[in-house]
Structures are given as C-alpha cells and as structure tokens.
Protein backbone atom coordinates (compact mmCIF):
# COMPACT_ATOMS: atom_id res chain seq x y z
CA MET A 1 -33.41 21.07 -20.20
CA SER A 2 -35.08 24.38 -21.64
CA THR A 3 -36.12 24.27 -25.30
CA PRO A 4 -34.69 26.93 -27.79
CA PRO A 5 -36.77 29.68 -28.88
CA LEU A 6 -38.79 29.43 -31.92
CA ALA A 7 -37.25 31.09 -35.02
CA GLY A 8 -39.71 33.75 -35.37
CA ALA A 9 -38.72 35.19 -31.89
CA GLY A 10 -36.40 37.45 -33.33
CA MET A 11 -33.23 35.20 -34.17
CA PRO A 12 -32.24 33.71 -37.22
CA PRO A 13 -33.24 29.98 -37.50
CA GLY A 14 -29.88 28.69 -37.19
CA ALA A 15 -28.19 30.86 -34.66
CA PHE A 16 -29.25 28.93 -31.31
CA SER A 17 -28.73 25.28 -32.89
CA GLY A 18 -25.07 25.95 -33.52
CA THR A 19 -24.26 27.09 -30.00
CA GLN A 20 -26.06 24.23 -28.62
CA ALA A 21 -24.04 21.62 -30.55
CA GLN A 22 -20.85 23.32 -29.60
CA ALA A 23 -21.84 23.12 -25.85
CA ALA A 24 -22.59 19.57 -26.21
CA ARG A 25 -19.37 18.75 -27.64
CA GLU A 26 -17.19 20.66 -25.28
CA VAL A 27 -17.93 18.63 -22.19
CA ASN A 28 -15.89 19.54 -18.99
CA THR A 29 -13.23 16.76 -18.49
CA ALA A 30 -13.82 16.71 -14.84
CA SER A 31 -17.68 16.08 -15.51
CA LEU A 32 -16.44 13.37 -17.73
CA CYS A 33 -14.18 11.87 -15.07
CA ARG A 34 -17.05 11.85 -12.62
CA ILE A 35 -19.47 10.19 -15.29
CA GLY A 36 -16.53 7.58 -15.87
CA GLN A 37 -16.20 6.86 -12.08
CA GLU A 38 -19.90 6.46 -11.88
CA THR A 39 -19.69 4.07 -14.69
CA VAL A 40 -17.05 1.96 -13.27
CA GLN A 41 -18.97 1.90 -9.81
CA ASP A 42 -22.06 0.47 -12.01
CA ILE A 43 -19.69 -2.18 -13.60
CA VAL A 44 -18.52 -3.20 -10.24
CA PHE A 45 -22.13 -3.49 -9.04
CA ARG A 46 -23.17 -5.33 -11.95
CA THR A 47 -20.50 -7.88 -12.03
CA MET A 48 -21.08 -8.62 -8.41
CA GLU A 49 -24.62 -9.29 -9.26
CA ILE A 50 -23.81 -11.44 -11.91
CA PHE A 51 -21.44 -13.50 -9.60
CA GLN A 52 -24.40 -13.72 -7.18
CA LEU A 53 -26.54 -15.00 -9.72
CA LEU A 54 -24.00 -17.72 -10.84
CA ARG A 55 -23.32 -18.64 -6.94
CA ASN A 56 -27.17 -19.33 -6.61
CA MET A 57 -27.54 -21.10 -9.92
CA GLN A 58 -27.44 -25.07 -9.38
CA LEU A 59 -25.31 -27.47 -11.42
CA PRO A 60 -27.55 -29.95 -13.40
CA ASN A 61 -26.31 -32.79 -11.47
CA GLY A 62 -28.82 -35.41 -12.53
CA VAL A 63 -31.34 -33.42 -10.51
CA THR A 64 -34.62 -32.47 -12.45
CA TYR A 65 -34.65 -28.69 -12.78
CA HIS A 66 -37.55 -26.67 -13.22
CA THR A 67 -37.16 -25.06 -16.90
CA GLY A 68 -39.03 -22.25 -15.79
CA THR A 69 -36.72 -21.30 -13.07
CA TYR A 70 -33.96 -22.03 -15.53
CA GLN A 71 -35.17 -19.64 -18.04
CA ASP A 72 -35.74 -16.83 -15.30
CA ARG A 73 -32.24 -17.17 -13.95
CA LEU A 74 -30.96 -17.45 -17.74
CA GLY A 75 -32.83 -14.36 -18.56
CA LYS A 76 -31.54 -12.30 -15.62
CA LEU A 77 -27.94 -13.40 -16.29
CA GLN A 78 -28.10 -12.37 -20.04
CA GLU A 79 -29.97 -9.06 -19.29
CA HIS A 80 -27.03 -8.29 -16.77
CA LEU A 81 -24.28 -9.32 -19.19
CA ARG A 82 -25.89 -6.94 -21.83
CA GLN A 83 -26.08 -4.23 -19.31
CA LEU A 84 -22.54 -4.77 -18.54
CA SER A 85 -21.52 -4.64 -22.10
CA ILE A 86 -23.49 -1.30 -22.74
CA LEU A 87 -21.39 0.00 -19.63
CA PHE A 88 -18.14 -1.11 -20.99
CA ARG A 89 -18.78 0.83 -24.23
CA LYS A 90 -20.04 4.03 -22.42
CA LEU A 91 -16.89 3.85 -20.38
CA ARG A 92 -14.76 3.71 -23.42
CA LEU A 93 -16.58 6.56 -24.91
CA VAL A 94 -15.86 8.62 -21.85
CA TYR A 95 -12.10 7.51 -21.87
CA ASP A 96 -11.72 8.66 -25.49
CA LYS A 97 -13.28 11.64 -24.99
CA CYS A 98 -11.06 12.60 -21.85
CA ASN A 99 -8.10 11.83 -23.96
CA GLU A 100 -9.28 13.77 -26.95
CA ASN A 101 -9.88 16.77 -24.46
CA CYS A 102 -6.31 16.34 -22.83
CA ALA A 103 -4.29 15.64 -26.01
CA GLY A 104 -3.16 19.16 -26.24
CA LEU A 105 -2.10 19.36 -22.93
CA ASP A 106 1.81 19.18 -21.99
CA PRO A 107 2.57 16.20 -19.79
CA VAL A 108 4.00 17.47 -16.41
CA PRO A 109 6.98 15.15 -15.31
CA ILE A 110 6.09 13.30 -12.11
CA GLU A 111 9.22 14.47 -10.49
CA GLN A 112 7.96 18.10 -10.35
CA LEU A 113 4.56 17.11 -8.78
CA ILE A 114 6.53 15.60 -5.77
CA PRO A 115 7.60 18.53 -3.14
CA TYR A 116 11.10 18.28 -1.93
CA VAL A 117 11.87 18.88 1.64
CA GLU A 118 15.29 20.13 0.81
CA GLU A 119 14.28 23.04 -1.06
CA ASP A 120 15.67 26.31 -0.19
CA GLY A 121 12.42 28.07 0.46
CA SER A 122 11.13 25.30 2.71
CA LYS A 123 14.43 25.55 4.74
CA HIS A 124 14.03 28.97 5.69
CA ASP A 125 10.28 28.64 6.61
CA ASP A 126 11.21 25.84 8.98
CA ARG A 127 14.03 27.63 10.40
CA GLY A 128 11.65 30.73 11.03
CA ALA A 129 8.89 28.43 12.44
CA ALA A 130 11.40 26.86 14.72
CA SER A 131 12.74 30.00 16.11
CA GLN A 132 8.95 31.49 16.72
CA LEU A 133 8.09 28.41 18.41
CA ARG A 134 11.20 28.75 20.32
CA PHE A 135 10.69 32.33 21.06
CA ALA A 136 6.77 31.53 21.99
CA SER A 137 7.69 28.94 24.39
CA GLU A 138 10.16 31.19 26.21
CA GLU A 139 7.65 34.19 26.40
CA ARG A 140 4.93 31.58 27.79
CA ARG A 141 7.51 30.36 30.50
CA GLU A 142 8.38 34.12 31.47
CA ILE A 143 4.58 34.91 31.79
CA MET A 144 4.02 31.66 34.02
CA GLU A 145 6.76 33.11 36.24
CA VAL A 146 5.39 36.32 36.52
CA ASN A 147 1.73 35.00 37.25
CA LYS A 148 3.13 32.62 39.88
CA VAL A 149 5.05 35.64 41.68
CA THR A 150 1.97 37.70 41.56
CA LYS A 151 -0.27 34.97 43.11
CA LEU A 152 2.38 34.54 45.90
CA LYS A 153 2.30 38.06 46.27
CA LYS A 154 -1.34 38.01 46.75
CA LYS A 155 -1.32 35.26 49.14
CA ASN A 156 1.25 37.08 51.29
CA LYS A 157 -0.64 40.07 51.20
CA ASN A 158 -4.10 38.33 52.34
CA LEU A 159 -2.20 36.43 55.54
C-alpha cells in the first residue's frame, strides 16, 4: 500500500486521511462476498483438521499415555479451535458488512428472476428461429441437388 504524502507537500494535513478512511469504509460488496467465501473455505479446512486430530487421538483405556505427546496434541487442538473461533468472528463481520451495504436495495421477487418460456417475445423468437432453420435446410437440400446434377454432368462429359 502506498503511503500518503507528507503534510508539507502542498496539501492540508487532514485532506488525505479523510479520503482514505472513506475508502476503507466503502468496500465493494462483491469483494466482501469473495472474502466471506474464502473464510468459509478456511473454516471447513480447519474443521477437517480438528476432526483428523481427534480421530488420531487415543482414548486413555488404561494405556500409559506419554504426557508430552498428549500436551502436544492438546496444544494443536486448542490452537485450531482458537483459529476457528477467529474465523467465525471474521465471517460474522463480513456478513454484517454485506447486510449493511445491501440494506438500501429493494429486494427483487424471486418470480421475476425466473424466465418464462411462454412470454410473447420468446414465442416470436422461437417461431422466427424455426422458420429460419426450415428455410436453411431447404436451401441446403437444393444446393446438394444442384451439386449432384453438376457432378453427373461432368462425369457424363468425361465418359
């Protein structure tokens, strides 16, 4: 990140810091969603690691368990749980910021997002495409017939 110019470089002291603060506040919602997606992926990865650690731990079934190994695995497990907690807090912040950015938007009914086949515009387009396809296939058939006749004429001429 670039550093702001010094106050003596021709700008008033508070002019640049206000725009930086505003830019930091107005984060693109799509970027927030990408950050949220990456955070969810990290949460899943950490959770899988926790389950792997728990699966590899032995139950104390009367077996002498080395305290060093136990402390090491317990420390790893606690670290993963702490990181998981941090990731969930980060995800909550991203979620709240996305909701804040989208609060002023009018929700679009789901029915409007689904295209209907029976709309008037699509009927005309389908009919036009079908007639163009029919015309093109007829034209192709006629060209094939003309080519066949031309080939026969050349063959007869050569004979």
